[in-house]
Amino acid sequence: MKIGITYLYTICNYGYPPKFSDELKAIEKISEMGFHFLEMEALGKKHTETVYANRAEFKKKLDDCGVHVHNFCIVDPDLVSIDQEKRREAYKNFEQTIELGSYFEAETIHLASYAPPVEYIGAKPYDLDKEYEFTEELRVRVPDELDWRDVWDVLVESCKFSAKQAAKYGKIVLMEPRVGEIICSVDSLIRLINDVGEPNFKANFDTGHLSAQRECVPLALAKLKGMFANIHIADNVPVNMEHITVGKGSIDWEEFFRILKKMNYEGYLGLDLSASDSIEKDLEESAAYIKAICEKQDIKVEM
């Protein structure tokens, strides 16, 4: 297994989305901490254009620091818009953006299902127009005309399209479950994978979000056997959505890694910790905790 860092580190330290110069600083810091595997994100059209325009400089910085981008996230809520014109435009942008993931040699392309089309009273989950934060309370007004079957059909269509486009580049597409979004539980994730029916469409297993959703994380992992191709790893106490240092929450990590070993999982573990004043220390402690458990269970890990 390979321990890396997700883009949450960059976002929480440098902004949502971050400036180009700060993204280069983040790559240097990640390397200085001893990590060599990274998840990058294209956060909407404007940020994507910046990343694309500076892709050669990004690649040079990654190579100079010995950091490999293994997962590339394409963030565009219009991919699942029930407005067909918005969705078609997002599909065009996706075709261009996936070139970036291929350019950075990422093995996987990462998606989310985004917030359902309801009216939010207060904060909306993962709003690109606002500062990145975990929303603890969701209050909504459900439109009378909402038909959940339409929402689901659009999501399936979008994921099918994304998987077929990614297949042209030999890439796997991942769907992440997140609290407050269309896909928020392990069973909704399994249903989506089955409905999409593309061999390169799999799950991103997110321990923090599934714990916050009050899933039993080891059981959720067992349910998704053969259906996931990447892991976001953070601890959590399921009274909130905070992604905390591994070993300081309520997840049973001994059982989690025992199951991973039985599954012969050799992929990535992306540390996905919330912002804190001690984020670098939290990341290093999490990596040390994981390595200690893996050593006890005779699991090979690298950073």
Protein backbone atom coordinates (compact mmCIF):
# COMPACT_ATOMS: atom_id res chain seq x y z
CA MET A 1 0.00 0.00 0.00
CA LYS A 2 1.08 3.58 -0.64
CA ILE A 3 0.37 6.41 1.81
CA GLY A 4 -0.21 9.76 0.14
CA ILE A 5 -1.98 13.06 0.71
CA THR A 6 -5.24 14.29 -0.77
CA TYR A 7 -5.84 17.81 -2.08
CA LEU A 8 -7.62 18.68 1.16
CA TYR A 9 -4.19 19.59 2.56
CA THR A 10 -3.64 22.17 -0.19
CA ILE A 11 -7.20 23.53 -0.01
CA CYS A 12 -7.24 23.93 3.77
CA ASN A 13 -3.85 25.63 3.84
CA TYR A 14 -3.99 27.81 0.74
CA GLY A 15 -7.64 28.42 -0.21
CA TYR A 16 -10.52 27.03 -2.25
CA PRO A 17 -9.37 27.13 -4.95
CA PRO A 18 -5.70 27.88 -4.17
CA LYS A 19 -3.46 30.22 -6.16
CA PHE A 20 -1.02 28.66 -8.62
CA SER A 21 2.04 29.83 -6.66
CA ASP A 22 0.62 28.34 -3.46
CA GLU A 23 -0.04 25.01 -5.16
CA LEU A 24 3.66 24.80 -6.00
CA LYS A 25 4.48 25.58 -2.36
CA ALA A 26 2.16 22.78 -1.26
CA ILE A 27 3.95 20.26 -3.48
CA GLU A 28 7.28 21.28 -1.93
CA LYS A 29 5.84 20.98 1.60
CA ILE A 30 4.36 17.56 0.86
CA SER A 31 7.75 16.34 -0.31
CA GLU A 32 9.49 17.83 2.74
CA MET A 33 7.11 15.87 5.00
CA GLY A 34 8.25 12.68 3.29
CA PHE A 35 5.20 12.02 1.11
CA HIS A 36 5.55 11.16 -2.58
CA PHE A 37 1.96 10.43 -3.65
CA LEU A 38 -0.58 13.18 -4.20
CA GLU A 39 -4.15 13.73 -5.32
CA MET A 40 -4.72 16.86 -7.42
CA GLU A 41 -7.96 18.63 -8.26
CA ALA A 42 -9.37 20.81 -11.00
CA LEU A 43 -11.78 23.01 -9.02
CA GLY A 44 -14.22 24.41 -11.55
CA LYS A 45 -13.67 25.95 -14.97
CA LYS A 46 -11.48 28.93 -13.97
CA HIS A 47 -9.13 26.91 -11.76
CA THR A 48 -8.95 24.17 -14.39
CA GLU A 49 -7.86 26.71 -16.99
CA THR A 50 -5.11 27.91 -14.63
CA VAL A 51 -3.88 24.37 -14.02
CA TYR A 52 -3.96 23.62 -17.76
CA ALA A 53 -2.08 26.79 -18.68
CA ASN A 54 0.62 25.99 -16.11
CA ARG A 55 0.65 22.22 -16.53
CA ALA A 56 4.28 22.05 -17.65
CA GLU A 57 5.44 24.00 -14.58
CA PHE A 58 3.26 21.82 -12.36
CA LYS A 59 4.79 18.69 -13.89
CA LYS A 60 8.33 20.01 -13.44
CA LYS A 61 7.69 20.83 -9.78
CA LEU A 62 6.20 17.37 -9.21
CA ASP A 63 9.17 15.69 -10.88
CA ASP A 64 11.72 17.85 -9.04
CA CYS A 65 10.07 16.99 -5.70
CA GLY A 66 9.63 13.29 -6.52
CA VAL A 67 5.84 13.47 -6.15
CA HIS A 68 3.48 11.31 -8.23
CA VAL A 69 -0.12 12.38 -8.89
CA HIS A 70 -2.07 9.13 -8.64
CA ASN A 71 -5.62 10.52 -8.58
CA PHE A 72 -7.01 13.53 -10.46
CA CYS A 73 -10.32 15.02 -9.31
CA ILE A 74 -12.59 16.84 -11.74
CA VAL A 75 -14.86 19.16 -9.76
CA ASP A 76 -17.86 20.40 -11.75
CA PRO A 77 -21.37 20.20 -10.24
CA ASP A 78 -22.87 20.81 -13.70
CA LEU A 79 -21.86 17.25 -14.60
CA VAL A 80 -24.98 16.15 -12.74
CA SER A 81 -27.20 19.15 -13.44
CA ILE A 82 -30.78 18.28 -14.36
CA ASP A 83 -30.49 21.18 -16.84
CA GLN A 84 -29.52 19.35 -20.03
CA GLU A 85 -27.71 22.33 -21.60
CA LYS A 86 -25.55 22.84 -18.51
CA ARG A 87 -24.78 19.13 -18.46
CA ARG A 88 -23.78 19.07 -22.13
CA GLU A 89 -21.38 21.96 -21.58
CA ALA A 90 -19.94 20.17 -18.55
CA TYR A 91 -19.43 17.05 -20.68
CA LYS A 92 -17.37 19.11 -23.15
CA ASN A 93 -15.27 20.50 -20.31
CA PHE A 94 -14.82 17.01 -18.90
CA GLU A 95 -13.35 15.78 -22.18
CA GLN A 96 -10.76 18.57 -22.01
CA THR A 97 -10.05 18.21 -18.31
CA ILE A 98 -9.45 14.48 -18.46
CA GLU A 99 -6.45 15.27 -20.65
CA LEU A 100 -4.92 16.93 -17.58
CA GLY A 101 -5.29 13.80 -15.52
CA SER A 102 -3.63 11.82 -18.28
CA TYR A 103 -0.88 14.44 -18.62
CA PHE A 104 -0.07 14.10 -14.92
CA GLU A 105 -0.09 10.28 -15.34
CA ALA A 106 -2.81 9.73 -12.75
CA GLU A 107 -4.17 6.19 -12.59
CA THR A 108 -7.66 7.31 -11.59
CA ILE A 109 -10.12 10.12 -12.36
CA HIS A 110 -12.19 11.20 -9.37
CA LEU A 111 -15.82 12.36 -9.32
CA ALA A 112 -18.42 13.39 -6.74
CA SER A 113 -22.21 13.26 -6.95
CA TYR A 114 -22.76 16.78 -5.53
CA ALA A 115 -25.69 18.26 -3.65
CA PRO A 116 -29.17 17.31 -4.87
CA PRO A 117 -31.29 19.99 -6.61
CA VAL A 118 -33.08 21.35 -3.57
CA GLU A 119 -33.20 24.80 -1.95
CA TYR A 120 -30.66 25.15 0.84
CA ILE A 121 -31.51 27.21 3.90
CA GLY A 122 -28.06 28.33 4.96
CA ALA A 123 -24.92 26.50 3.91
CA LYS A 124 -24.75 24.22 0.87
CA PRO A 125 -22.31 21.27 0.86
CA TYR A 126 -18.97 21.99 -0.83
CA ASP A 127 -20.01 25.27 -2.41
CA LEU A 128 -17.30 26.32 -4.90
CA ASP A 129 -18.30 29.96 -4.46
CA LYS A 130 -17.55 29.96 -0.74
CA GLU A 131 -14.72 29.00 1.61
CA TYR A 132 -14.26 25.24 1.90
CA GLU A 133 -15.89 23.88 5.03
CA PHE A 134 -17.62 20.84 6.43
CA THR A 135 -21.28 21.75 6.87
CA GLU A 136 -22.57 20.26 10.11
CA GLU A 137 -26.26 21.07 9.59
CA LEU A 138 -28.22 20.84 6.38
CA ARG A 139 -31.62 22.49 6.13
CA VAL A 140 -33.48 22.30 2.83
CA ARG A 141 -36.76 23.02 1.12
CA VAL A 142 -37.69 20.25 -1.31
CA PRO A 143 -39.30 21.55 -4.53
CA ASP A 144 -42.76 20.12 -5.11
CA GLU A 145 -41.79 19.14 -8.65
CA LEU A 146 -38.71 17.16 -7.58
CA ASP A 147 -38.70 13.58 -8.88
CA TRP A 148 -35.81 11.62 -7.40
CA ARG A 149 -35.88 9.18 -10.32
CA ASP A 150 -34.89 12.04 -12.64
CA VAL A 151 -32.01 13.02 -10.34
CA TRP A 152 -30.80 9.42 -10.23
CA ASP A 153 -31.10 8.89 -14.00
CA VAL A 154 -29.03 12.01 -14.68
CA LEU A 155 -26.32 10.85 -12.26
CA VAL A 156 -26.17 7.42 -13.92
CA GLU A 157 -26.01 9.01 -17.38
CA SER A 158 -23.20 11.35 -16.30
CA CYS A 159 -21.17 8.55 -14.72
CA LYS A 160 -21.58 6.36 -17.79
CA PHE A 161 -20.35 9.20 -19.99
CA SER A 162 -17.37 9.89 -17.70
CA ALA A 163 -16.38 6.22 -17.52
CA LYS A 164 -16.51 5.83 -21.31
CA GLN A 165 -14.39 8.95 -21.82
CA ALA A 166 -11.88 7.80 -19.21
CA ALA A 167 -11.65 4.36 -20.85
CA LYS A 168 -10.21 6.05 -23.95
CA TYR A 169 -7.23 7.03 -21.79
CA GLY A 170 -7.07 3.71 -19.95
CA LYS A 171 -8.22 5.32 -16.70
CA ILE A 172 -10.48 4.19 -13.86
CA VAL A 173 -13.25 6.57 -12.74
CA LEU A 174 -13.96 6.84 -9.02
CA MET A 175 -17.11 8.01 -7.25
CA GLU A 176 -16.74 9.30 -3.70
CA PRO A 177 -19.57 9.14 -1.12
CA ARG A 178 -19.93 12.41 0.80
CA VAL A 179 -22.35 13.44 3.51
CA GLY A 180 -25.17 15.59 2.15
CA GLU A 181 -24.71 14.57 -1.49
CA ILE A 182 -26.66 12.28 -3.82
CA ILE A 183 -24.24 9.45 -3.04
CA CYS A 184 -23.66 9.50 0.72
CA SER A 185 -23.85 5.86 1.86
CA VAL A 186 -22.19 2.60 0.93
CA ASP A 187 -25.43 1.07 -0.34
CA SER A 188 -26.25 4.03 -2.61
CA LEU A 189 -22.70 3.74 -3.93
CA ILE A 190 -23.14 0.04 -4.68
CA ARG A 191 -26.44 0.74 -6.44
CA LEU A 192 -24.78 3.42 -8.59
CA ILE A 193 -21.88 1.17 -9.60
CA ASN A 194 -24.34 -1.55 -10.61
CA ASP A 195 -26.58 0.87 -12.54
CA VAL A 196 -23.66 2.48 -14.40
CA GLY A 197 -22.38 -0.95 -15.35
CA GLU A 198 -19.01 0.16 -16.76
CA PRO A 199 -16.01 -2.02 -15.83
CA ASN A 200 -13.79 1.01 -15.13
CA PHE A 201 -16.33 2.72 -12.84
CA LYS A 202 -15.49 2.06 -9.19
CA ALA A 203 -15.71 3.55 -5.72
CA ASN A 204 -13.37 5.81 -3.82
CA PHE A 205 -13.68 4.43 -0.29
CA ASP A 206 -13.79 7.39 2.14
CA THR A 207 -13.45 6.36 5.78
CA GLY A 208 -14.18 9.83 7.21
CA HIS A 209 -17.39 10.41 5.29
CA LEU A 210 -18.71 6.89 5.78
CA SER A 211 -18.06 7.09 9.52
CA ALA A 212 -19.80 10.49 9.67
CA GLN A 213 -22.72 8.84 7.86
CA ARG A 214 -22.75 6.34 10.77
CA GLU A 215 -21.66 3.43 8.62
CA CYS A 216 -19.68 0.64 10.27
CA VAL A 217 -16.49 1.32 8.30
CA PRO A 218 -15.02 -2.25 8.25
CA LEU A 219 -18.41 -3.65 7.22
CA ALA A 220 -18.77 -0.99 4.51
CA LEU A 221 -15.34 -2.02 3.23
CA ALA A 222 -16.41 -5.67 3.08
CA LYS A 223 -19.59 -4.69 1.19
CA LEU A 224 -17.50 -2.95 -1.48
CA LYS A 225 -15.12 -5.85 -2.09
CA GLY A 226 -13.88 -5.68 -5.66
CA MET A 227 -15.71 -2.39 -6.25
CA PHE A 228 -13.23 0.23 -5.01
CA ALA A 229 -9.91 1.39 -6.45
CA ASN A 230 -8.72 4.09 -4.03
CA ILE A 231 -9.06 5.04 -0.37
CA HIS A 232 -9.38 8.38 1.41
CA ILE A 233 -8.30 7.78 4.96
CA ALA A 234 -9.10 9.84 8.05
CA ASP A 235 -10.55 9.11 11.46
CA ASN A 236 -13.88 10.43 12.67
CA VAL A 237 -16.20 10.48 15.67
CA PRO A 238 -19.71 10.25 14.17
CA VAL A 239 -21.15 13.27 15.92
CA ASN A 240 -19.75 15.55 13.21
CA MET A 241 -18.04 15.46 9.81
CA GLU A 242 -14.51 16.29 10.94
CA HIS A 243 -11.73 14.23 9.36
CA ILE A 244 -9.25 13.84 12.22
CA THR A 245 -5.88 12.20 12.85
CA VAL A 246 -5.94 8.45 12.22
CA GLY A 247 -6.11 6.68 15.58
CA LYS A 248 -7.89 9.51 17.43
CA GLY A 249 -11.46 8.69 16.44
CA SER A 250 -13.79 5.72 16.66
CA ILE A 251 -12.89 3.69 13.55
CA ASP A 252 -11.59 0.15 14.19
CA TRP A 253 -8.34 0.36 12.23
CA GLU A 254 -7.06 -3.09 13.21
CA GLU A 255 -10.10 -4.69 11.57
CA PHE A 256 -10.01 -2.26 8.65
CA PHE A 257 -6.45 -3.21 7.70
CA ARG A 258 -7.06 -6.89 8.38
CA ILE A 259 -9.81 -6.79 5.74
CA LEU A 260 -7.64 -4.83 3.31
CA LYS A 261 -4.90 -7.44 3.66
CA LYS A 262 -7.37 -10.25 3.05
CA MET A 263 -8.52 -8.41 -0.10
CA ASN A 264 -4.88 -8.10 -1.27
CA TYR A 265 -5.31 -4.34 -1.64
CA GLU A 266 -2.06 -2.74 -2.79
CA GLY A 267 -3.36 0.69 -3.82
CA TYR A 268 -3.30 4.16 -2.32
CA LEU A 269 -4.29 5.49 1.10
CA GLY A 270 -4.78 9.24 0.71
CA LEU A 271 -4.61 11.04 4.05
CA ASP A 272 -7.66 13.31 4.02
CA LEU A 273 -7.52 15.40 7.18
CA SER A 274 -9.49 18.54 8.05
CA ALA A 275 -7.77 21.87 8.55
CA SER A 276 -6.07 22.43 11.90
CA ASP A 277 -3.24 24.48 13.38
CA SER A 278 -1.18 21.29 13.52
CA ILE A 279 -2.05 19.79 10.12
CA GLU A 280 1.53 18.75 9.25
CA LYS A 281 1.92 17.06 12.64
CA ASP A 282 -1.49 15.39 12.22
CA LEU A 283 -0.49 14.02 8.83
CA GLU A 284 2.83 12.69 10.10
CA GLU A 285 1.17 11.10 13.16
CA SER A 286 -1.48 9.49 10.93
CA ALA A 287 1.16 8.03 8.64
CA ALA A 288 3.11 6.69 11.63
CA TYR A 289 -0.06 5.13 13.10
CA ILE A 290 -0.90 3.42 9.81
CA LYS A 291 2.64 2.12 9.39
CA ALA A 292 2.62 0.70 12.93
CA ILE A 293 -0.60 -1.23 12.32
CA CYS A 294 0.62 -2.44 8.93
CA GLU A 295 3.91 -3.62 10.41
CA LYS A 296 2.01 -5.59 13.05
CA GLN A 297 -0.13 -7.20 10.32
CA ASP A 298 2.82 -7.77 7.96
CA ILE A 299 1.50 -5.36 5.33
CA LYS A 300 4.01 -3.56 3.13
CA VAL A 301 3.57 0.22 2.97
CA GLU A 302 5.49 3.04 1.38
CA MET A 303 5.28 6.82 1.25
